[in-house]
Each structure stands twice: as C-alpha cells, then as structure tokens.
Amino acid sequence: MERGLRTFRAVNAWTRTLLTFSRRVVVAGVVAILLWTGAIMIFEDHFIYFPTKYPQGIYQDSHIVPNRIDCWFTTEDGVRLHAWYATAESALATLVLSHGNAGNISHRIYLMRRLLQSGFNVLMYDYRGYGRSDGTPSEEGIYRDGRAAFDYAASLSTVDSSKIFLWGTSLGGAVAVEVATQRPVAGVILESTFTSARDVARVAYPFLPVQFVIRTKFDSIGKIGKVRVPLLVMHGDHDSIIPIKLGQKLYEAASVPKEFYTIVGADHNDTYLVGGDAYFEKVRHFVQLALAQRFSQNHIPHRQ
C-alpha cells in the first residue's frame, strides 16, 4: 500500500509539472502572437511595401528596350513619379503597367521588351518611394499614382486614349482595379493578384489574427463588380505567394465580359517566363477581341 501511495504521489507530481509546463507554453504562445500581431500593426507598411530605390536594380539593362524614354509626371497630391515609355510600330494598344510590391521598374525590363515585341506601347511607372519616384508608398498614395499614370499616358501624342489597357501584377492588380473604376479604360489585365489585403494576411499569417487588425484594405473584390470593361485575369497554378484560389475568387466576383487564364506551372514572379509565347499570344488575343467587340462586349467568351 505504501508503494502504491508513492506511485500515486509521483504521478500526481508529474501531472502538476506537465500542467505547469503546458500553461507556460500556452502563455508564451499567446504572448508571442500578441507581440507579432502588435509589430505588424505598428509597422504595417513595412510588411506590405518593399521598394528598391535607384540606383539599386538592373538599370544597366534598360538599353535592351528600343525607343525607351524616361518620363516624369506629377500626381494630384504633388508627388513626382518616374516612368519608362516605349512605342511599338503600328501599336495595337497602350498598356499602363502597375507592378508588384517589391523592387522597381528596372526589374520588369524584360517583360517590357516582350510586350513591345508583341505590338504594344508600354508605360511602366514606379509608385511613390520606388525607383526614382519621390514620396513614400501608402494605399491611397499608390491609387493616386495609378490615376496619374493613366492620365499621363492619355496625354501622349503617340497614344490613342481610347485604346489604353491597365495591367496590374500582384499589388498592382489592386491599383488597376481602383483606377478602372475611375478612368475610361479600354480593358483590364490582372496577373497574380488577390481579393483583398485581409485575405492575403490570412494566407501569409494563418496563425495570427492579422486580418482583423490591419488598416490596409486593397479591397479589389469589393470594387471589381464596378469594372465594366473587358477583363483578363491570369494566374500561375503554382503561385506560392498569392494562391490561385484568390485570383479565381476575384474573377468570379467580376462582371462580364471576362476571361480566366491559368499559367500552368508558373509561380508568382515567373509567369511570363513559364508562360512563354502562349502567354503573350493570350494577351494580344484578349486585347484584339476587346477592341473588336467594344460596342458589344458581352460577345467576349465567358469561360474558366
């Protein structure tokens, strides 16, 4: 009996130790979650924008784009932005490119060249705080940048203002959607983009309640229904940053005419490299069809 009592006491002591340890782990976990969530709240913009300032980048390769010129224009709140513009011979249309949240336009120079070779004029600009542009990025700020880029493109003598298409990649997709609700664009091309900042936060930080506390919205899914021009949504099926399901969800919320194009095997930053010629043919075909059916847009195929 005495031996049984000793065993009971040992088990009881072990149980108390385990409970104490478990409580400490839970408390430490809760504290860690609160600290991480608090840090993201305080430094929110640093978790969203990753600008590369000039001269960092690959500006030395800019010579590969023929007819490229440096452009400067000013936003409605007085911020001076830098862009590259290049013309194609007998251009089909003009593309205004809004890039993702990292780097600067120099990192997209090879995409710009391929789009020129596909028959498009291209205006590719840097948001405030990126590349050679002044200012500091913010949600409202980069919306202003997108509007200013469209307005600048429309003012150029080599641009038919009725044939301007917005192209938004990743974060730039949110900018393109916003601008498309406020400017007379001919069509919108969204690549590797998302539904809202909250949805991205839920994916990026699945164990943190970030989606409930962030101030940034980028509520594309709440705006996409107001976009009444032809829409092409492209997404890689191996996207490790913005899951394809977010692109599909945004597409499903959009009005017709619209088309979804899966880039088989592509991750987030290699879409045009993996997509190859078929990728650029898809873009060109979409633009041709959008222009041809301008007055009967619902004839554009509505397909998955």
Foldseek 3Di string as FASTA:
>chain_A
DVVVVVVVVVVVVVVVVVVVVVVVVVVVVVVVLVVVLVVCQVPVVVVAAAADEPPPAPVVPLVVAPQKDWDWDAFPVGWIWIKIKHAAVQALAEEEEDEGRHYFCRNCSVVCRVLSVLRYIYIYIGFDPHYHTHDDDDDVRVLRVLLRSLVVQLPDPVHDNQRYEYEAAALRQLSRLSNLLPDNYLEYEYELYFQWPLVLCCVVCVPHPNSVNHPGISHSLVRQQSRDHEYEYEYECAAPRRHVVRSVSSQVSHDDPYYYHYQYPDYRPCRCVSNDPVVSVVVSVSSVVSVVCVVPRNVRDRDD
